[in-house]
Amino acid sequence: VCVHTRLGLEALLLYLVASYAARTGEAQEDRVEPVVGETALERHEQAGERAVLFAGIAAGVALLGFLPGRPGGAARRAAILAAIVVLAAVGLAGSSGGDLVWRHGAAAAYAKPPAPGGPTVPGEAAGPD
């Protein structure tokens, strides 16, 4: 498989994956927002939207690379640059998602509350010392 065909398929796959990730994130927004706050969630959502947009553009540019001659050659070179931009955008979206979990405690939206009188931390003894 030639490099260009592979790059085009990878760009298309990345667009599909980024779109799916954005949809699953939207489905969880109402549950997580009360825990992390609107500002942090909005930052992550915007980063994800940029990643989807750039991945779609990169896929389109990579497909233009199938054109013959000079236009196709220019599109193939542009597709490599577009892929680098997509990598950066996906990295920023992932980083902001990590911030939601590690800095803002997003996982707490999915944690079960402790049983009354039960341990609050795994391995912690229940009741007074």
C-alpha atoms as a PDB file:
ATOM      1  CA  VAL A   1       0.000   0.000   0.000  1.00  0.00           C
ATOM      2  CA  CYS A   2       1.453   3.368  -0.983  1.00  0.00           C
ATOM      3  CA  VAL A   3       2.127   5.939   1.713  1.00  0.00           C
ATOM      4  CA  HIS A   4      -0.516   8.295   0.394  1.00  0.00           C
ATOM      5  CA  THR A   5      -3.263   5.679   0.421  1.00  0.00           C
ATOM      6  CA  ARG A   6      -2.325   4.736   3.954  1.00  0.00           C
ATOM      7  CA  LEU A   7      -2.281   8.370   5.088  1.00  0.00           C
ATOM      8  CA  GLY A   8      -5.700   8.951   3.527  1.00  0.00           C
ATOM      9  CA  LEU A   9      -7.185   5.905   5.226  1.00  0.00           C
ATOM     10  CA  GLU A  10      -5.630   6.850   8.548  1.00  0.00           C
ATOM     11  CA  ALA A  11      -6.958  10.408   8.272  1.00  0.00           C
ATOM     12  CA  LEU A  12     -10.442   9.102   7.526  1.00  0.00           C
ATOM     13  CA  LEU A  13     -10.256   6.639  10.422  1.00  0.00           C
ATOM     14  CA  LEU A  14      -9.046   9.370  12.778  1.00  0.00           C
ATOM     15  CA  TYR A  15     -11.959  11.573  11.727  1.00  0.00           C
ATOM     16  CA  LEU A  16     -14.430   8.761  12.458  1.00  0.00           C
ATOM     17  CA  VAL A  17     -12.855   8.010  15.842  1.00  0.00           C
ATOM     18  CA  ALA A  18     -12.739  11.694  16.825  1.00  0.00           C
ATOM     19  CA  SER A  19     -16.397  12.098  15.818  1.00  0.00           C
ATOM     20  CA  TYR A  20     -17.373   9.085  17.901  1.00  0.00           C
ATOM     21  CA  ALA A  21     -15.414  10.384  20.895  1.00  0.00           C
ATOM     22  CA  ALA A  22     -17.137  13.761  20.616  1.00  0.00           C
ATOM     23  CA  ARG A  23     -20.567  12.101  20.571  1.00  0.00           C
ATOM     24  CA  THR A  24     -19.825   9.967  23.612  1.00  0.00           C
ATOM     25  CA  GLY A  25     -18.532  13.043  25.444  1.00  0.00           C
ATOM     26  CA  GLU A  26     -21.730  14.937  24.689  1.00  0.00           C
ATOM     27  CA  ALA A  27     -23.736  12.050  26.126  1.00  0.00           C
ATOM     28  CA  GLN A  28     -21.864  12.346  29.444  1.00  0.00           C
ATOM     29  CA  GLU A  29     -21.956  16.145  29.718  1.00  0.00           C
ATOM     30  CA  ASP A  30     -25.000  16.438  32.001  1.00  0.00           C
ATOM     31  CA  ARG A  31     -23.579  13.926  34.459  1.00  0.00           C
ATOM     32  CA  VAL A  32     -20.061  15.380  34.657  1.00  0.00           C
ATOM     33  CA  GLU A  33     -20.724  19.131  34.516  1.00  0.00           C
ATOM     34  CA  PRO A  34     -22.004  19.432  38.118  1.00  0.00           C
ATOM     35  CA  VAL A  35     -18.725  17.900  39.311  1.00  0.00           C
ATOM     36  CA  VAL A  36     -16.162  19.686  37.118  1.00  0.00           C
ATOM     37  CA  GLY A  37     -17.911  22.950  36.324  1.00  0.00           C
ATOM     38  CA  GLU A  38     -18.890  24.536  33.038  1.00  0.00           C
ATOM     39  CA  THR A  39     -15.565  26.236  32.262  1.00  0.00           C
ATOM     40  CA  ALA A  40     -13.389  23.107  32.346  1.00  0.00           C
ATOM     41  CA  LEU A  41     -15.982  21.064  30.488  1.00  0.00           C
ATOM     42  CA  GLU A  42     -16.386  23.737  27.821  1.00  0.00           C
ATOM     43  CA  ARG A  43     -12.606  23.878  27.316  1.00  0.00           C
ATOM     44  CA  HIS A  44     -12.525  20.118  26.724  1.00  0.00           C
ATOM     45  CA  GLU A  45     -15.572  20.211  24.465  1.00  0.00           C
ATOM     46  CA  GLN A  46     -14.053  22.941  22.297  1.00  0.00           C
ATOM     47  CA  ALA A  47     -10.755  21.056  22.065  1.00  0.00           C
ATOM     48  CA  GLY A  48     -12.657  17.963  20.943  1.00  0.00           C
ATOM     49  CA  GLU A  49     -14.608  19.921  18.350  1.00  0.00           C
ATOM     50  CA  ARG A  50     -11.371  21.359  16.949  1.00  0.00           C
ATOM     51  CA  ALA A  51      -9.885  17.856  16.744  1.00  0.00           C
ATOM     52  CA  VAL A  52     -12.914  16.626  14.779  1.00  0.00           C
ATOM     53  CA  LEU A  53     -12.801  19.645  12.467  1.00  0.00           C
ATOM     54  CA  PHE A  54      -9.070  19.319  11.779  1.00  0.00           C
ATOM     55  CA  ALA A  55      -9.371  15.560  11.273  1.00  0.00           C
ATOM     56  CA  GLY A  56     -12.135  16.119   8.726  1.00  0.00           C
ATOM     57  CA  ILE A  57     -10.054  18.707   6.888  1.00  0.00           C
ATOM     58  CA  ALA A  58      -7.035  16.388   6.925  1.00  0.00           C
ATOM     59  CA  ALA A  59      -9.136  13.540   5.504  1.00  0.00           C
ATOM     60  CA  GLY A  60     -10.406  15.797   2.736  1.00  0.00           C
ATOM     61  CA  VAL A  61      -6.909  17.016   1.893  1.00  0.00           C
ATOM     62  CA  ALA A  62      -5.625  13.434   1.872  1.00  0.00           C
ATOM     63  CA  LEU A  63      -8.387  12.437  -0.541  1.00  0.00           C
ATOM     64  CA  LEU A  64      -7.386  15.306  -2.844  1.00  0.00           C
ATOM     65  CA  GLY A  65      -3.995  13.637  -2.984  1.00  0.00           C
ATOM     66  CA  PHE A  66      -5.480  11.094  -5.372  1.00  0.00           C
ATOM     67  CA  LEU A  67      -5.691  13.806  -8.038  1.00  0.00           C
ATOM     68  CA  PRO A  68      -3.120  13.334 -10.774  1.00  0.00           C
ATOM     69  CA  GLY A  69      -0.170  15.613 -11.375  1.00  0.00           C
ATOM     70  CA  ARG A  70       0.800  18.742  -9.542  1.00  0.00           C
ATOM     71  CA  PRO A  71      -2.507  19.260  -7.635  1.00  0.00           C
ATOM     72  CA  GLY A  72      -2.318  15.742  -6.231  1.00  0.00           C
ATOM     73  CA  GLY A  73       1.325  16.168  -5.253  1.00  0.00           C
ATOM     74  CA  ALA A  74       0.564  19.429  -3.461  1.00  0.00           C
ATOM     75  CA  ALA A  75      -2.352  17.805  -1.639  1.00  0.00           C
ATOM     76  CA  ARG A  76      -0.163  14.888  -0.553  1.00  0.00           C
ATOM     77  CA  ARG A  77       2.391  17.258   0.958  1.00  0.00           C
ATOM     78  CA  ALA A  78      -0.379  19.284   2.598  1.00  0.00           C
ATOM     79  CA  ALA A  79      -1.871  16.067   4.009  1.00  0.00           C
ATOM     80  CA  ILE A  80       1.323  15.409   5.944  1.00  0.00           C
ATOM     81  CA  LEU A  81       1.169  18.879   7.490  1.00  0.00           C
ATOM     82  CA  ALA A  82      -2.545  18.433   8.185  1.00  0.00           C
ATOM     83  CA  ALA A  83      -1.818  15.162   9.988  1.00  0.00           C
ATOM     84  CA  ILE A  84       0.631  16.965  12.276  1.00  0.00           C
ATOM     85  CA  VAL A  85      -2.017  19.580  13.071  1.00  0.00           C
ATOM     86  CA  VAL A  86      -4.514  16.810  13.843  1.00  0.00           C
ATOM     87  CA  LEU A  87      -2.031  15.132  16.180  1.00  0.00           C
ATOM     88  CA  ALA A  88      -1.614  18.388  18.086  1.00  0.00           C
ATOM     89  CA  ALA A  89      -5.381  18.951  18.275  1.00  0.00           C
ATOM     90  CA  VAL A  90      -6.019  15.405  19.507  1.00  0.00           C
ATOM     91  CA  GLY A  91      -3.227  15.796  22.061  1.00  0.00           C
ATOM     92  CA  LEU A  92      -4.815  18.984  23.413  1.00  0.00           C
ATOM     93  CA  ALA A  93      -8.238  17.361  23.591  1.00  0.00           C
ATOM     94  CA  GLY A  94      -6.768  14.382  25.430  1.00  0.00           C
ATOM     95  CA  SER A  95      -4.868  16.624  27.804  1.00  0.00           C
ATOM     96  CA  SER A  96      -7.976  18.630  28.665  1.00  0.00           C
ATOM     97  CA  GLY A  97      -9.835  15.347  29.215  1.00  0.00           C
ATOM     98  CA  GLY A  98      -7.114  14.248  31.592  1.00  0.00           C
ATOM     99  CA  ASP A  99      -7.477  17.554  33.425  1.00  0.00           C
ATOM    100  CA  LEU A 100     -11.192  16.837  33.872  1.00  0.00           C
ATOM    101  CA  VAL A 101     -10.368  13.563  35.574  1.00  0.00           C
ATOM    102  CA  TRP A 102      -7.207  14.356  37.527  1.00  0.00           C
ATOM    103  CA  ARG A 103      -7.603  18.064  38.374  1.00  0.00           C
ATOM    104  CA  HIS A 104     -11.360  18.470  38.507  1.00  0.00           C
ATOM    105  CA  GLY A 105     -12.429  15.028  39.750  1.00  0.00           C
ATOM    106  CA  ALA A 106     -14.736  14.059  36.869  1.00  0.00           C
ATOM    107  CA  ALA A 107     -14.594  10.406  37.931  1.00  0.00           C
ATOM    108  CA  ALA A 108     -16.575  11.348  41.039  1.00  0.00           C
ATOM    109  CA  ALA A 109     -19.635  11.649  38.792  1.00  0.00           C
ATOM    110  CA  TYR A 110     -19.442   7.877  38.351  1.00  0.00           C
ATOM    111  CA  ALA A 111     -18.413   6.866  41.869  1.00  0.00           C
ATOM    112  CA  LYS A 112     -20.941   5.148  44.104  1.00  0.00           C
ATOM    113  CA  PRO A 113     -21.603   6.947  47.381  1.00  0.00           C
ATOM    114  CA  PRO A 114     -20.330   5.062  50.440  1.00  0.00           C
ATOM    115  CA  ALA A 115     -22.810   2.989  52.401  1.00  0.00           C
ATOM    116  CA  PRO A 116     -23.926   4.614  55.670  1.00  0.00           C
ATOM    117  CA  GLY A 117     -21.337   3.730  58.303  1.00  0.00           C
ATOM    118  CA  GLY A 118     -19.216   1.987  55.679  1.00  0.00           C
ATOM    119  CA  PRO A 119     -15.685   2.815  54.582  1.00  0.00           C
ATOM    120  CA  THR A 120     -15.223   5.987  52.548  1.00  0.00           C
ATOM    121  CA  VAL A 121     -11.897   4.897  51.086  1.00  0.00           C
ATOM    122  CA  PRO A 122     -11.245   1.352  49.856  1.00  0.00           C
ATOM    123  CA  GLY A 123      -9.418  -0.554  52.564  1.00  0.00           C
ATOM    124  CA  GLU A 124     -10.392   1.936  55.300  1.00  0.00           C
ATOM    125  CA  ALA A 125     -11.962   0.453  58.384  1.00  0.00           C
ATOM    126  CA  ALA A 126     -15.598   1.336  59.006  1.00  0.00           C
ATOM    127  CA  GLY A 127     -16.686   3.126  62.159  1.00  0.00           C
ATOM    128  CA  PRO A 128     -14.814   5.159  64.779  1.00  0.00           C
ATOM    129  CA  ASP A 129     -11.214   4.373  65.747  1.00  0.00           C
END
